[in-house]
Every structure is written in C-alpha cells, then in structure tokens.
Amino acid sequence: MVKLDFSELKKARVRDYAIRFLFGGAVSVFATLLAQWTTERIGGIFTAFPAILLASLTIIGTSETRKAADADAQGGILGAVALVVAAIVLAVTLGLLAGALSLALSLAAWLACSIGLYILSVKAGWLHPKSQ
C-alpha cells in the first residue's frame, strides 16, 4: 500500500527547504513571543499553526500541479487530526508521567493515528496513493 520513492529527493531544491525552514521558524518565534506577551494558551494556538504544510502547499502549487497540492493537503488533514490526538495525550499524561515519557507517548499516538487514518482513508477511497 505504501511505497517509498527516494528518486523524488533528486528533484528537491535547497530553496524549497529554506522556505519551509524559515517560514516554520518564523511562526515558532512568533508563537513564543505571543505566549510571552499574552498567555501560554494563546501562544499554544499558534504553535499548532500549519507553517510547514502551508509553505509546502505553496511550493507544490507553484512548481507542480494543483492536483499534487490537493493530494498533499489531504495528507495534511490527516496529520492535523493526529496532531489533536497527540496534544490530548500529552495534556493528559504530562502531569502523571515524566516529560520525556509523555512526549514519547504523544509522538507514538500521533504516528499510530496518522498511519491508521491513512489506511482507513485509502480503504474508504478518500485518499488515492500515487500509483507506481
């Protein structure tokens, strides 16, 4: 069902990675400053800002096709749902367990949720993996 195609890495441009890095970093700094100026809860809202997704979709939409950007956005939706699950797991376990263990559990929840949603979406016909 899933096949990794490393040949696509040859097409990657340093400029595209730099845009993602700078955009993601700028949003992260902004969220941190906002949390310091206001409250952590408001800053937390911006830490979930999909900076990398939006930068990636912009790059894909301009350098490839709209169809490719749409497919990437569908995957982004699944990742966003998994992010909510990971945030809930972290919030629930952080006061009960060591920070590193809470983080590991939330990352595991994100990974399991992402993979599970991907498989369900493909089986339901909503997502169509690229045919090789």
Protein backbone atom coordinates (compact mmCIF):
# COMPACT_ATOMS: atom_id res chain seq x y z
CA MET A 1 0.00 0.00 0.00
CA VAL A 2 2.84 2.39 0.81
CA LYS A 3 5.95 2.57 -1.33
CA LEU A 4 8.80 4.95 -0.70
CA ASP A 5 10.23 6.61 -3.79
CA PHE A 6 13.59 8.17 -2.95
CA SER A 7 14.11 9.26 -6.57
CA GLU A 8 11.87 12.24 -5.80
CA LEU A 9 14.58 13.59 -3.46
CA LYS A 10 16.72 14.38 -6.50
CA LYS A 11 14.11 16.91 -7.58
CA ALA A 12 14.21 18.78 -4.26
CA ARG A 13 15.66 22.25 -4.35
CA VAL A 14 17.57 23.82 -1.49
CA ARG A 15 15.44 26.93 -1.94
CA ASP A 16 12.27 24.95 -1.16
CA TYR A 17 13.77 23.56 2.05
CA ALA A 18 14.97 27.03 3.03
CA ILE A 19 11.46 28.47 2.56
CA ARG A 20 9.95 25.73 4.75
CA PHE A 21 12.64 26.19 7.40
CA LEU A 22 12.35 29.98 7.52
CA PHE A 23 8.56 30.01 7.49
CA GLY A 24 8.34 27.34 10.20
CA GLY A 25 10.98 29.07 12.30
CA ALA A 26 9.30 32.46 11.96
CA VAL A 27 5.95 31.05 13.09
CA SER A 28 7.63 29.28 16.02
CA VAL A 29 9.33 32.50 17.16
CA PHE A 30 6.08 34.42 16.74
CA ALA A 31 4.16 31.85 18.83
CA THR A 32 6.78 32.03 21.58
CA LEU A 33 6.72 35.82 21.67
CA LEU A 34 2.94 35.87 21.61
CA ALA A 35 2.85 33.48 24.60
CA GLN A 36 5.21 35.78 26.49
CA TRP A 37 3.22 38.90 25.66
CA THR A 38 -0.21 37.39 26.32
CA THR A 39 -0.87 33.94 27.76
CA GLU A 40 0.55 30.49 27.08
CA ARG A 41 -2.85 29.32 25.86
CA ILE A 42 -2.92 31.94 23.11
CA GLY A 43 0.68 31.14 22.20
CA GLY A 44 -0.26 27.46 22.12
CA ILE A 45 -2.88 28.14 19.50
CA PHE A 46 -0.16 29.45 17.21
CA THR A 47 2.22 26.56 17.91
CA ALA A 48 -0.30 24.41 16.05
CA PHE A 49 -0.17 26.74 13.04
CA PRO A 50 0.46 24.56 9.99
CA ALA A 51 3.51 26.51 8.86
CA ILE A 52 5.28 23.69 7.08
CA LEU A 53 2.09 22.48 5.40
CA LEU A 54 1.21 25.92 4.07
CA ALA A 55 4.73 26.57 2.85
CA SER A 56 4.84 23.14 1.21
CA LEU A 57 1.45 23.57 -0.45
CA THR A 58 2.53 26.94 -1.83
CA ILE A 59 5.72 25.46 -3.25
CA ILE A 60 3.95 22.40 -4.66
CA GLY A 61 1.13 24.50 -6.10
CA THR A 62 3.52 26.79 -7.96
CA SER A 63 6.17 24.28 -9.04
CA GLU A 64 3.99 21.24 -9.72
CA THR A 65 0.23 20.97 -10.20
CA ARG A 66 -2.86 21.85 -8.26
CA LYS A 67 -3.67 18.13 -8.16
CA ALA A 68 -0.36 17.45 -6.39
CA ALA A 69 -1.08 20.24 -3.88
CA ASP A 70 -4.58 18.85 -3.29
CA ALA A 71 -3.16 15.39 -2.58
CA ASP A 72 -0.64 16.87 -0.14
CA ALA A 73 -3.41 18.86 1.55
CA GLN A 74 -5.44 15.67 2.05
CA GLY A 75 -2.49 14.14 3.87
CA GLY A 76 -2.18 17.35 5.88
CA ILE A 77 -5.77 16.97 7.07
CA LEU A 78 -4.96 13.50 8.43
CA GLY A 79 -1.83 14.83 10.11
CA ALA A 80 -3.81 17.67 11.70
CA VAL A 81 -6.31 15.24 13.21
CA ALA A 82 -3.39 13.18 14.52
CA LEU A 83 -1.87 16.35 15.98
CA VAL A 84 -5.05 16.92 18.00
CA VAL A 85 -4.83 13.36 19.33
CA ALA A 86 -1.14 13.84 20.22
CA ALA A 87 -1.91 17.11 22.02
CA ILE A 88 -4.66 15.45 24.05
CA VAL A 89 -2.37 12.55 25.01
CA LEU A 90 0.37 14.98 26.02
CA ALA A 91 -2.00 17.16 28.04
CA VAL A 92 -3.42 14.16 29.90
CA THR A 93 -0.11 12.41 30.62
CA LEU A 94 2.16 15.38 31.32
CA GLY A 95 1.09 15.74 34.93
CA LEU A 96 1.19 11.99 35.52
CA LEU A 97 4.44 10.91 33.87
CA ALA A 98 7.92 12.25 33.25
CA GLY A 99 8.08 14.81 30.45
CA ALA A 100 10.12 12.59 28.13
CA LEU A 101 7.72 9.67 28.57
CA SER A 102 4.72 11.93 27.93
CA LEU A 103 6.37 13.23 24.79
CA ALA A 104 7.18 9.70 23.62
CA LEU A 105 3.59 8.60 24.21
CA SER A 106 2.17 11.60 22.37
CA LEU A 107 4.51 11.04 19.42
CA ALA A 108 3.53 7.36 19.35
CA ALA A 109 -0.15 8.38 19.42
CA TRP A 110 0.45 10.81 16.55
CA LEU A 111 2.23 8.16 14.49
CA ALA A 112 -0.37 5.46 15.16
CA CYS A 113 -3.23 7.87 14.45
CA SER A 114 -1.60 9.16 11.25
CA ILE A 115 -0.94 5.69 9.89
CA GLY A 116 -4.36 4.43 10.95
CA LEU A 117 -6.16 7.36 9.36
CA TYR A 118 -4.11 6.96 6.19
CA ILE A 119 -5.01 3.27 5.90
CA LEU A 120 -8.69 3.97 6.63
CA SER A 121 -8.75 6.82 4.11
CA VAL A 122 -7.22 4.70 1.37
CA LYS A 123 -9.63 1.82 2.08
CA ALA A 124 -12.58 4.23 2.10
CA GLY A 125 -11.47 5.63 -1.25
CA TRP A 126 -10.94 9.17 0.01
CA LEU A 127 -7.18 9.11 -0.46
CA HIS A 128 -5.67 7.68 -3.61
CA PRO A 129 -2.00 6.81 -3.15
CA LYS A 130 0.18 7.61 -6.10
CA SER A 131 0.25 4.60 -8.39
CA GLN A 132 3.72 3.37 -9.34
